[in-house]
């Protein structure tokens, strides 16, 4: 039962820090932060794939450069917000 209480306390932001919580709760918090950073890094892979496909499309049809560029930039901006959210979650897990 003590382990269950520790896991439940890991989700309580007031109790998760280096001094007042158990090592398990702190460890679970750091694992969560690592997973959030992993999600942020995987967004970069998706952006690289999108840029590669856009370059291929421009190579096949150079006349559509302006349309492809505008759609690509909007798409990259939307995808980048996911990376920023993952980064913010990781910072909150580590420092709050």
PDB file of N, CA and C in Angstrom:
ATOM      1  N   UNK A   1       0.819  -1.196   0.000  1.00  0.00           N
ATOM      2  CA  UNK A   1       0.000   0.000   0.000  1.00  0.00           C
ATOM      3  C   UNK A   1       0.867   1.266   0.000  1.00  0.00           C
ATOM      4  N   UNK A   2       2.041   1.173   0.622  1.00  0.00           N
ATOM      5  CA  UNK A   2       2.932   2.321   0.666  1.00  0.00           C
ATOM      6  C   UNK A   2       3.427   2.702  -0.731  1.00  0.00           C
ATOM      7  N   UNK A   3       3.664   1.705  -1.572  1.00  0.00           N
ATOM      8  CA  UNK A   3       4.104   1.975  -2.940  1.00  0.00           C
ATOM      9  C   UNK A   3       3.016   2.686  -3.723  1.00  0.00           C
ATOM     10  N   UNK A   4       1.763   2.282  -3.524  1.00  0.00           N
ATOM     11  CA  UNK A   4       0.648   2.937  -4.208  1.00  0.00           C
ATOM     12  C   UNK A   4       0.556   4.397  -3.796  1.00  0.00           C
ATOM     13  N   UNK A   5       0.726   4.689  -2.519  1.00  0.00           N
ATOM     14  CA  UNK A   5       0.694   6.078  -2.061  1.00  0.00           C
ATOM     15  C   UNK A   5       1.841   6.886  -2.664  1.00  0.00           C
ATOM     16  N   UNK A   6       2.985   6.271  -2.814  1.00  0.00           N
ATOM     17  CA  UNK A   6       4.127   6.963  -3.410  1.00  0.00           C
ATOM     18  C   UNK A   6       3.861   7.302  -4.866  1.00  0.00           C
ATOM     19  N   UNK A   7       3.279   6.356  -5.601  1.00  0.00           N
ATOM     20  CA  UNK A   7       2.971   6.602  -7.010  1.00  0.00           C
ATOM     21  C   UNK A   7       1.908   7.679  -7.135  1.00  0.00           C
ATOM     22  N   UNK A   8       0.908   7.650  -6.270  1.00  0.00           N
ATOM     23  CA  UNK A   8      -0.135   8.682  -6.310  1.00  0.00           C
ATOM     24  C   UNK A   8       0.466  10.036  -5.969  1.00  0.00           C
ATOM     25  N   UNK A   9       1.368  10.080  -4.988  1.00  0.00           N
ATOM     26  CA  UNK A   9       2.011  11.342  -4.630  1.00  0.00           C
ATOM     27  C   UNK A   9       2.925  11.861  -5.732  1.00  0.00           C
ATOM     28  N   UNK A  10       3.367  11.001  -6.626  1.00  0.00           N
ATOM     29  CA  UNK A  10       4.218  11.441  -7.726  1.00  0.00           C
ATOM     30  C   UNK A  10       3.477  12.381  -8.660  1.00  0.00           C
ATOM     31  N   UNK A  11       2.159  12.292  -8.672  1.00  0.00           N
ATOM     32  CA  UNK A  11       1.373  13.156  -9.542  1.00  0.00           C
ATOM     33  C   UNK A  11       0.928  14.426  -8.834  1.00  0.00           C
ATOM     34  N   UNK A  12       1.319  14.610  -7.590  1.00  0.00           N
ATOM     35  CA  UNK A  12       1.003  15.815  -6.838  1.00  0.00           C
ATOM     36  C   UNK A  12       2.199  16.758  -6.947  1.00  0.00           C
ATOM     37  N   UNK A  13       2.028  17.841  -7.670  1.00  0.00           N
ATOM     38  CA  UNK A  13       3.157  18.723  -7.986  1.00  0.00           C
ATOM     39  C   UNK A  13       3.758  19.369  -6.741  1.00  0.00           C
ATOM     40  N   UNK A  14       2.976  19.534  -5.672  1.00  0.00           N
ATOM     41  CA  UNK A  14       3.512  20.158  -4.470  1.00  0.00           C
ATOM     42  C   UNK A  14       4.501  19.261  -3.735  1.00  0.00           C
ATOM     43  N   UNK A  15       4.375  17.959  -3.914  1.00  0.00           N
ATOM     44  CA  UNK A  15       5.212  17.033  -3.159  1.00  0.00           C
ATOM     45  C   UNK A  15       6.395  16.495  -3.949  1.00  0.00           C
ATOM     46  N   UNK A  16       6.479  16.834  -5.205  1.00  0.00           N
ATOM     47  CA  UNK A  16       7.542  16.259  -6.029  1.00  0.00           C
ATOM     48  C   UNK A  16       8.693  17.243  -6.138  1.00  0.00           C
ATOM     49  N   UNK A  17       9.711  17.026  -5.357  1.00  0.00           N
ATOM     50  CA  UNK A  17      10.980  17.742  -5.476  1.00  0.00           C
ATOM     51  C   UNK A  17      12.057  16.911  -4.802  1.00  0.00           C
ATOM     52  N   UNK A  18      13.257  17.396  -4.788  1.00  0.00           N
ATOM     53  CA  UNK A  18      14.369  16.585  -4.302  1.00  0.00           C
ATOM     54  C   UNK A  18      14.347  16.381  -2.789  1.00  0.00           C
ATOM     55  N   UNK A  19      13.757  17.291  -2.044  1.00  0.00           N
ATOM     56  CA  UNK A  19      13.901  17.232  -0.596  1.00  0.00           C
ATOM     57  C   UNK A  19      12.723  16.598   0.120  1.00  0.00           C
ATOM     58  N   UNK A  20      11.510  16.769  -0.345  1.00  0.00           N
ATOM     59  CA  UNK A  20      10.366  16.347   0.458  1.00  0.00           C
ATOM     60  C   UNK A  20       9.649  15.113  -0.063  1.00  0.00           C
ATOM     61  N   UNK A  21      10.088  14.492  -1.115  1.00  0.00           N
ATOM     62  CA  UNK A  21       9.389  13.320  -1.621  1.00  0.00           C
ATOM     63  C   UNK A  21      10.324  12.120  -1.653  1.00  0.00           C
ATOM     64  N   UNK A  22       9.728  10.988  -1.907  1.00  0.00           N
ATOM     65  CA  UNK A  22      10.523   9.766  -1.952  1.00  0.00           C
ATOM     66  C   UNK A  22      11.344   9.720  -3.241  1.00  0.00           C
ATOM     67  N   UNK A  23      12.371   8.919  -3.258  1.00  0.00           N
ATOM     68  CA  UNK A  23      13.169   8.783  -4.482  1.00  0.00           C
ATOM     69  C   UNK A  23      12.361   8.232  -5.653  1.00  0.00           C
ATOM     70  N   UNK A  24      11.371   7.389  -5.361  1.00  0.00           N
ATOM     71  CA  UNK A  24      10.545   6.844  -6.437  1.00  0.00           C
ATOM     72  C   UNK A  24       9.732   7.941  -7.116  1.00  0.00           C
ATOM     73  N   UNK A  25       9.145   8.833  -6.313  1.00  0.00           N
ATOM     74  CA  UNK A  25       8.351   9.915  -6.887  1.00  0.00           C
ATOM     75  C   UNK A  25       9.221  10.835  -7.732  1.00  0.00           C
ATOM     76  N   UNK A  26      10.407  11.143  -7.220  1.00  0.00           N
ATOM     77  CA  UNK A  26      11.318  11.999  -7.978  1.00  0.00           C
ATOM     78  C   UNK A  26      11.772  11.305  -9.255  1.00  0.00           C
ATOM     79  N   UNK A  27      12.040  10.015  -9.173  1.00  0.00           N
ATOM     80  CA  UNK A  27      12.451   9.254 -10.352  1.00  0.00           C
ATOM     81  C   UNK A  27      11.368   9.200 -11.408  1.00  0.00           C
ATOM     82  N   UNK A  28      10.122   9.003 -10.969  1.00  0.00           N
ATOM     83  CA  UNK A  28       9.013   8.982 -11.930  1.00  0.00           C
ATOM     84  C   UNK A  28       8.837  10.341 -12.598  1.00  0.00           C
ATOM     85  N   UNK A  29       9.076  11.407 -11.837  1.00  0.00           N
ATOM     86  CA  UNK A  29       8.991  12.745 -12.418  1.00  0.00           C
ATOM     87  C   UNK A  29      10.062  12.947 -13.481  1.00  0.00           C
ATOM     88  N   UNK A  30      11.264  12.488 -13.205  1.00  0.00           N
ATOM     89  CA  UNK A  30      12.346  12.633 -14.178  1.00  0.00           C
ATOM     90  C   UNK A  30      12.107  11.759 -15.412  1.00  0.00           C
ATOM     91  N   UNK A  31      11.509  10.594 -15.230  1.00  0.00           N
ATOM     92  CA  UNK A  31      11.153   9.761 -16.387  1.00  0.00           C
ATOM     93  C   UNK A  31      10.119  10.478 -17.242  1.00  0.00           C
ATOM     94  N   UNK A  32       9.133  11.105 -16.595  1.00  0.00           N
ATOM     95  CA  UNK A  32       8.131  11.870 -17.344  1.00  0.00           C
ATOM     96  C   UNK A  32       8.750  13.030 -18.099  1.00  0.00           C
ATOM     97  N   UNK A  33       9.699  13.712 -17.473  1.00  0.00           N
ATOM     98  CA  UNK A  33      10.378  14.817 -18.154  1.00  0.00           C
ATOM     99  C   UNK A  33      11.184  14.306 -19.338  1.00  0.00           C
ATOM    100  N   UNK A  34      11.827  13.165 -19.171  1.00  0.00           N
ATOM    101  CA  UNK A  34      12.583  12.581 -20.279  1.00  0.00           C
ATOM    102  C   UNK A  34      11.690  12.188 -21.438  1.00  0.00           C
ATOM    103  N   UNK A  35      10.518  11.647 -21.127  1.00  0.00           N
ATOM    104  CA  UNK A  35       9.580  11.285 -22.192  1.00  0.00           C
ATOM    105  C   UNK A  35       9.052  12.524 -22.908  1.00  0.00           C
ATOM    106  N   UNK A  36       8.853  13.613 -22.155  1.00  0.00           N
ATOM    107  CA  UNK A  36       8.408  14.851 -22.797  1.00  0.00           C
ATOM    108  C   UNK A  36       9.483  15.385 -23.741  1.00  0.00           C
ATOM    109  N   UNK A  37      10.732  15.319 -23.337  1.00  0.00           N
ATOM    110  CA  UNK A  37      11.824  15.761 -24.210  1.00  0.00           C
ATOM    111  C   UNK A  37      11.951  14.840 -25.414  1.00  0.00           C
ATOM    112  N   UNK A  38      11.713  13.546 -25.217  1.00  0.00           N
ATOM    113  CA  UNK A  38      11.721  12.612 -26.341  1.00  0.00           C
ATOM    114  C   UNK A  38      10.652  13.009 -27.360  1.00  0.00           C
ATOM    115  N   UNK A  39       9.468  13.368 -26.869  1.00  0.00           N
ATOM    116  CA  UNK A  39       8.413  13.832 -27.774  1.00  0.00           C
ATOM    117  C   UNK A  39       8.817  15.092 -28.510  1.00  0.00           C
ATOM    118  N   UNK A  40       9.518  15.967 -27.824  1.00  0.00           N
ATOM    119  CA  UNK A  40       9.994  17.189 -28.465  1.00  0.00           C
ATOM    120  C   UNK A  40      11.023  16.877 -29.544  1.00  0.00           C
ATOM    121  N   UNK A  41      11.869  15.913 -29.299  1.00  0.00           N
ATOM    122  CA  UNK A  41      12.875  15.539 -30.292  1.00  0.00           C
ATOM    123  C   UNK A  41      12.283  14.846 -31.497  1.00  0.00           C
ATOM    124  N   UNK A  42      11.249  14.050 -31.279  1.00  0.00           N
ATOM    125  CA  UNK A  42      10.623  13.348 -32.397  1.00  0.00           C
ATOM    126  C   UNK A  42       9.893  14.302 -33.336  1.00  0.00           C
ATOM    127  N   UNK A  43       9.498  15.461 -32.814  1.00  0.00           N
ATOM    128  CA  UNK A  43       8.890  16.473 -33.679  1.00  0.00           C
ATOM    129  C   UNK A  43       9.895  16.913 -34.736  1.00  0.00           C
ATOM    130  N   UNK A  44      11.150  16.993 -34.377  1.00  0.00           N
ATOM    131  CA  UNK A  44      12.189  17.385 -35.336  1.00  0.00           C
ATOM    132  C   UNK A  44      12.312  16.385 -36.472  1.00  0.00           C
ATOM    133  N   UNK A  45      12.137  15.109 -36.163  1.00  0.00           N
ATOM    134  CA  UNK A  45      12.171  14.089 -37.215  1.00  0.00           C
ATOM    135  C   UNK A  45      11.021  14.317 -38.193  1.00  0.00           C
ATOM    136  N   UNK A  46       9.839  14.586 -37.658  1.00  0.00           N
ATOM    137  CA  UNK A  46       8.692  14.860 -38.518  1.00  0.00           C
ATOM    138  C   UNK A  46       8.889  16.101 -39.372  1.00  0.00           C
ATOM    139  N   UNK A  47       9.501  17.124 -38.799  1.00  0.00           N
ATOM    140  CA  UNK A  47       9.770  18.332 -39.570  1.00  0.00           C
ATOM    141  C   UNK A  47      10.773  18.064 -40.680  1.00  0.00           C
ATOM    142  N   UNK A  48      11.757  17.262 -40.408  1.00  0.00           N
ATOM    143  CA  UNK A  48      12.730  16.909 -41.441  1.00  0.00           C
ATOM    144  C   UNK A  48      12.091  16.162 -42.592  1.00  0.00           C
ATOM    145  N   UNK A  49      11.181  15.258 -42.278  1.00  0.00           N
ATOM    146  CA  UNK A  49      10.467  14.526 -43.330  1.00  0.00           C
ATOM    147  C   UNK A  49       9.616  15.478 -44.158  1.00  0.00           C
ATOM    148  N   UNK A  50       8.937  16.424 -43.485  1.00  0.00           N
ATOM    149  CA  UNK A  50       8.097  17.381 -44.205  1.00  0.00           C
ATOM    150  C   UNK A  50       8.925  18.253 -45.141  1.00  0.00           C
ATOM    151  N   UNK A  51      10.067  18.711 -44.676  1.00  0.00           N
ATOM    152  CA  UNK A  51      10.933  19.546 -45.518  1.00  0.00           C
ATOM    153  C   UNK A  51      11.471  18.738 -46.691  1.00  0.00           C
ATOM    154  N   UNK A  52      11.834  17.485 -46.456  1.00  0.00           N
ATOM    155  CA  UNK A  52      12.334  16.642 -47.552  1.00  0.00           C
ATOM    156  C   UNK A  52      11.269  16.445 -48.620  1.00  0.00           C
ATOM    157  N   UNK A  53      10.037  16.223 -48.207  1.00  0.00           N
ATOM    158  CA  UNK A  53       8.949  16.049 -49.177  1.00  0.00           C
ATOM    159  C   UNK A  53       8.674  17.353 -49.927  1.00  0.00           C
ATOM    160  N   UNK A  54       8.786  18.486 -49.231  1.00  0.00           N
ATOM    161  CA  UNK A  54       8.572  19.766 -49.899  1.00  0.00           C
ATOM    162  C   UNK A  54       9.661  20.034 -50.930  1.00  0.00           C
ATOM    163  N   UNK A  55      10.893  19.715 -50.603  1.00  0.00           N
ATOM    164  CA  UNK A  55      11.991  19.899 -51.560  1.00  0.00           C
ATOM    165  C   UNK A  55      11.798  18.991 -52.768  1.00  0.00           C
ATOM    166  N   UNK A  56      11.359  17.756 -52.533  1.00  0.00           N
ATOM    167  CA  UNK A  56      11.062  16.855 -53.650  1.00  0.00           C
ATOM    168  C   UNK A  56       9.958  17.422 -54.538  1.00  0.00           C
ATOM    169  N   UNK A  57       8.916  17.973 -53.899  1.00  0.00           N
ATOM    170  CA  UNK A  57       7.804  18.530 -54.668  1.00  0.00           C
ATOM    171  C   UNK A  57       8.249  19.748 -55.473  1.00  0.00           C
ATOM    172  N   UNK A  58       9.094  20.577 -54.896  1.00  0.00           N
ATOM    173  CA  UNK A  58       9.601  21.746 -55.624  1.00  0.00           C
ATOM    174  C   UNK A  58      10.491  21.298 -56.779  1.00  0.00           C
ATOM    175  N   UNK A  59      11.253  20.250 -56.581  1.00  0.00           N
ATOM    176  CA  UNK A  59      12.094  19.728 -57.659  1.00  0.00           C
ATOM    177  C   UNK A  59      11.276  19.190 -58.820  1.00  0.00           C
ATOM    178  N   UNK A  60      10.138  18.595 -58.523  1.00  0.00           N
ATOM    179  CA  UNK A  60       9.281  18.067 -59.585  1.00  0.00           C
ATOM    180  C   UNK A  60       8.489  19.168 -60.281  1.00  0.00           C
ATOM    181  N   UNK A  61       8.082  20.195 -59.503  1.00  0.00           N
ATOM    182  CA  UNK A  61       7.234  21.247 -60.059  1.00  0.00           C
ATOM    183  C   UNK A  61       7.723  22.609 -59.548  1.00  0.00           C
ATOM    184  N   UNK A  62       8.743  23.189 -60.178  1.00  0.00           N
ATOM    185  CA  UNK A  62       9.307  24.453 -59.694  1.00  0.00           C
ATOM    186  C   UNK A  62       8.334  25.633 -59.759  1.00  0.00           C
ATOM    187  N   UNK A  63       7.315  25.541 -60.612  1.00  0.00           N
ATOM    188  CA  UNK A  63       6.361  26.651 -60.720  1.00  0.00           C
ATOM    189  C   UNK A  63       5.505  26.785 -59.464  1.00  0.00           C
ATOM    190  N   UNK A  64       5.385  25.725 -58.683  1.00  0.00           N
ATOM    191  CA  UNK A  64       4.543  25.747 -57.485  1.00  0.00           C
ATOM    192  C   UNK A  64       5.334  26.118 -56.232  1.00  0.00           C
ATOM    193  N   UNK A  65       6.474  26.749 -56.418  1.00  0.00           N
ATOM    194  CA  UNK A  65       7.355  27.071 -55.296  1.00  0.00           C
ATOM    195  C   UNK A  65       6.656  27.898 -54.223  1.00  0.00           C
ATOM    196  N   UNK A  66       5.958  28.957 -54.609  1.00  0.00           N
ATOM    197  CA  UNK A  66       5.355  29.846 -53.608  1.00  0.00           C
ATOM    198  C   UNK A  66       4.251  29.140 -52.824  1.00  0.00           C
ATOM    199  N   UNK A  67       3.435  28.328 -53.505  1.00  0.00           N
ATOM    200  CA  UNK A  67       2.368  27.612 -52.802  1.00  0.00           C
ATOM    201  C   UNK A  67       2.942  26.568 -51.853  1.00  0.00           C
ATOM    202  N   UNK A  68       3.935  25.822 -52.317  1.00  0.00           N
ATOM    203  CA  UNK A  68       4.539  24.780 -51.478  1.00  0.00           C
ATOM    204  C   UNK A  68       5.226  25.415 -50.277  1.00  0.00           C
ATOM    205  N   UNK A  69       5.932  26.519 -50.502  1.00  0.00           N
ATOM    206  CA  UNK A  69       6.636  27.180 -49.411  1.00  0.00           C
ATOM    207  C   UNK A  69       5.668  27.687 -48.351  1.00  0.00           C
ATOM    208  N   UNK A  70       4.566  28.312 -48.775  1.00  0.00           N
ATOM    209  CA  UNK A  70       3.629  28.853 -47.793  1.00  0.00           C
ATOM    210  C   UNK A  70       2.959  27.744 -46.987  1.00  0.00           C
ATOM    211  N   UNK A  71       2.562  26.666 -47.653  1.00  0.00           N
ATOM    212  CA  UNK A  71       1.947  25.550 -46.935  1.00  0.00           C
ATOM    213  C   UNK A  71       2.961  24.897 -46.000  1.00  0.00           C
ATOM    214  N   UNK A  72       4.204  24.775 -46.449  1.00  0.00           N
ATOM    215  CA  UNK A  72       5.246  24.176 -45.620  1.00  0.00           C
ATOM    216  C   UNK A  72       5.501  25.012 -44.371  1.00  0.00           C
ATOM    217  N   UNK A  73       5.607  26.315 -44.508  1.00  0.00           N
ATOM    218  CA  UNK A  73       5.885  27.164 -43.353  1.00  0.00           C
ATOM    219  C   UNK A  73       4.753  27.138 -42.340  1.00  0.00           C
ATOM    220  N   UNK A  74       3.510  27.153 -42.805  1.00  0.00           N
ATOM    221  CA  UNK A  74       2.372  27.065 -41.888  1.00  0.00           C
ATOM    222  C   UNK A  74       2.366  25.708 -41.188  1.00  0.00           C
ATOM    223  N   UNK A  75       2.616  24.654 -41.939  1.00  0.00           N
ATOM    224  CA  UNK A  75       2.654  23.320 -41.354  1.00  0.00           C
ATOM    225  C   UNK A  75       3.764  23.165 -40.329  1.00  0.00           C
ATOM    226  N   UNK A  76       4.939  23.694 -40.636  1.00  0.00           N
ATOM    227  CA  UNK A  76       6.047  23.615 -39.683  1.00  0.00           C
ATOM    228  C   UNK A  76       5.758  24.419 -38.419  1.00  0.00           C
ATOM    229  N   UNK A  77       5.093  25.555 -38.562  1.00  0.00           N
ATOM    230  CA  UNK A  77       4.739  26.349 -37.385  1.00  0.00           C
ATOM    231  C   UNK A  77       3.755  25.596 -36.496  1.00  0.00           C
ATOM    232  N   UNK A  78       2.800  24.922 -37.106  1.00  0.00           N
ATOM    233  CA  UNK A  78       1.825  24.157 -36.330  1.00  0.00           C
ATOM    234  C   UNK A  78       2.503  22.984 -35.634  1.00  0.00           C
ATOM    235  N   UNK A  79       3.384  22.293 -36.333  1.00  0.00           N
ATOM    236  CA  UNK A  79       4.077  21.148 -35.739  1.00  0.00           C
ATOM    237  C   UNK A  79       5.015  21.600 -34.624  1.00  0.00           C
ATOM    238  N   UNK A  80       5.625  22.743 -34.786  1.00  0.00           N
ATOM    239  CA  UNK A  80       6.577  23.230 -33.790  1.00  0.00           C
ATOM    240  C   UNK A  80       5.897  23.532 -32.460  1.00  0.00           C
ATOM    241  N   UNK A  81       4.621  23.879 -32.472  1.00  0.00           N
ATOM    242  CA  UNK A  81       3.935  24.134 -31.208  1.00  0.00           C
ATOM    243  C   UNK A  81       3.917  22.880 -30.339  1.00  0.00           C
ATOM    244  N   UNK A  82       3.804  21.715 -30.945  1.00  0.00           N
ATOM    245  CA  UNK A  82       3.855  20.477 -30.169  1.00  0.00           C
ATOM    246  C   UNK A  82       5.188  20.309 -29.476  1.00  0.00           C
ATOM    247  N   UNK A  83       6.249  20.665 -30.159  1.00  0.00           N
ATOM    248  CA  UNK A  83       7.586  20.582 -29.570  1.00  0.00           C
ATOM    249  C   UNK A  83       7.732  21.558 -28.409  1.00  0.00           C
ATOM    250  N   UNK A  84       7.206  22.742 -28.573  1.00  0.00           N
ATOM    251  CA  UNK A  84       7.282  23.742 -27.507  1.00  0.00           C
ATOM    252  C   UNK A  84       6.485  23.289 -26.297  1.00  0.00           C
ATOM    253  N   UNK A  85       5.301  22.715 -26.510  1.00  0.00           N
ATOM    254  CA  UNK A  85       4.494  22.213 -25.397  1.00  0.00           C
ATOM    255  C   UNK A  85       5.220  21.093 -24.656  1.00  0.00           C
ATOM    256  N   UNK A  86       5.854  20.186 -25.374  1.00  0.00           N
ATOM    257  CA  UNK A  86       6.618  19.110 -24.725  1.00  0.00           C
ATOM    258  C   UNK A  86       7.757  19.683 -23.897  1.00  0.00           C
ATOM    259  N   UNK A  87       8.425  20.682 -24.424  1.00  0.00           N
ATOM    260  CA  UNK A  87       9.531  21.307 -23.703  1.00  0.00           C
ATOM    261  C   UNK A  87       9.041  21.992 -22.436  1.00  0.00           C
ATOM    262  N   UNK A  88       7.904  22.673 -22.515  1.00  0.00           N
ATOM    263  CA  UNK A  88       7.344  23.347 -21.340  1.00  0.00           C
ATOM    264  C   UNK A  88       6.939  22.333 -20.279  1.00  0.00           C
ATOM    265  N   UNK A  89       6.327  21.233 -20.697  1.00  0.00           N
ATOM    266  CA  UNK A  89       5.948  20.188 -19.744  1.00  0.00           C
ATOM    267  C   UNK A  89       7.187  19.631 -19.054  1.00  0.00           C
ATOM    268  N   UNK A  90       8.246  19.405 -19.806  1.00  0.00           N
ATOM    269  CA  UNK A  90       9.483  18.894 -19.207  1.00  0.00           C
ATOM    270  C   UNK A  90      10.051  19.882 -18.194  1.00  0.00           C
ATOM    271  N   UNK A  91      10.053  21.161 -18.528  1.00  0.00           N
ATOM    272  CA  UNK A  91      10.553  22.159 -17.583  1.00  0.00           C
ATOM    273  C   UNK A  91       9.696  22.215 -16.328  1.00  0.00           C
ATOM    274  N   UNK A  92       8.384  22.128 -16.492  1.00  0.00           N
ATOM    275  CA  UNK A  92       7.503  22.135 -15.329  1.00  0.00           C
ATOM    276  C   UNK A  92       7.733  20.913 -14.451  1.00  0.00           C
ATOM    277  N   UNK A  93       7.935  19.769 -15.067  1.00  0.00           N
ATOM    278  CA  UNK A  93       8.180  18.564 -14.275  1.00  0.00           C
ATOM    279  C   UNK A  93       9.500  18.642 -13.514  1.00  0.00           C
ATOM    280  N   UNK A  94      10.484  19.260 -14.102  1.00  0.00           N
ATOM    281  CA  UNK A  94      11.791  19.320 -13.450  1.00  0.00           C
ATOM    282  C   UNK A  94      11.840  20.396 -12.366  1.00  0.00           C
ATOM    283  N   UNK A  95      11.308  21.578 -12.637  1.00  0.00           N
ATOM    284  CA  UNK A  95      11.524  22.705 -11.735  1.00  0.00           C
ATOM    285  C   UNK A  95      10.347  23.059 -10.839  1.00  0.00           C
ATOM    286  N   UNK A  96       9.193  22.491 -11.052  1.00  0.00           N
ATOM    287  CA  UNK A  96       8.037  22.857 -10.204  1.00  0.00           C
ATOM    288  C   UNK A  96       7.714  21.739  -9.267  1.00  0.00           C
TER     289      UNK A  96
END
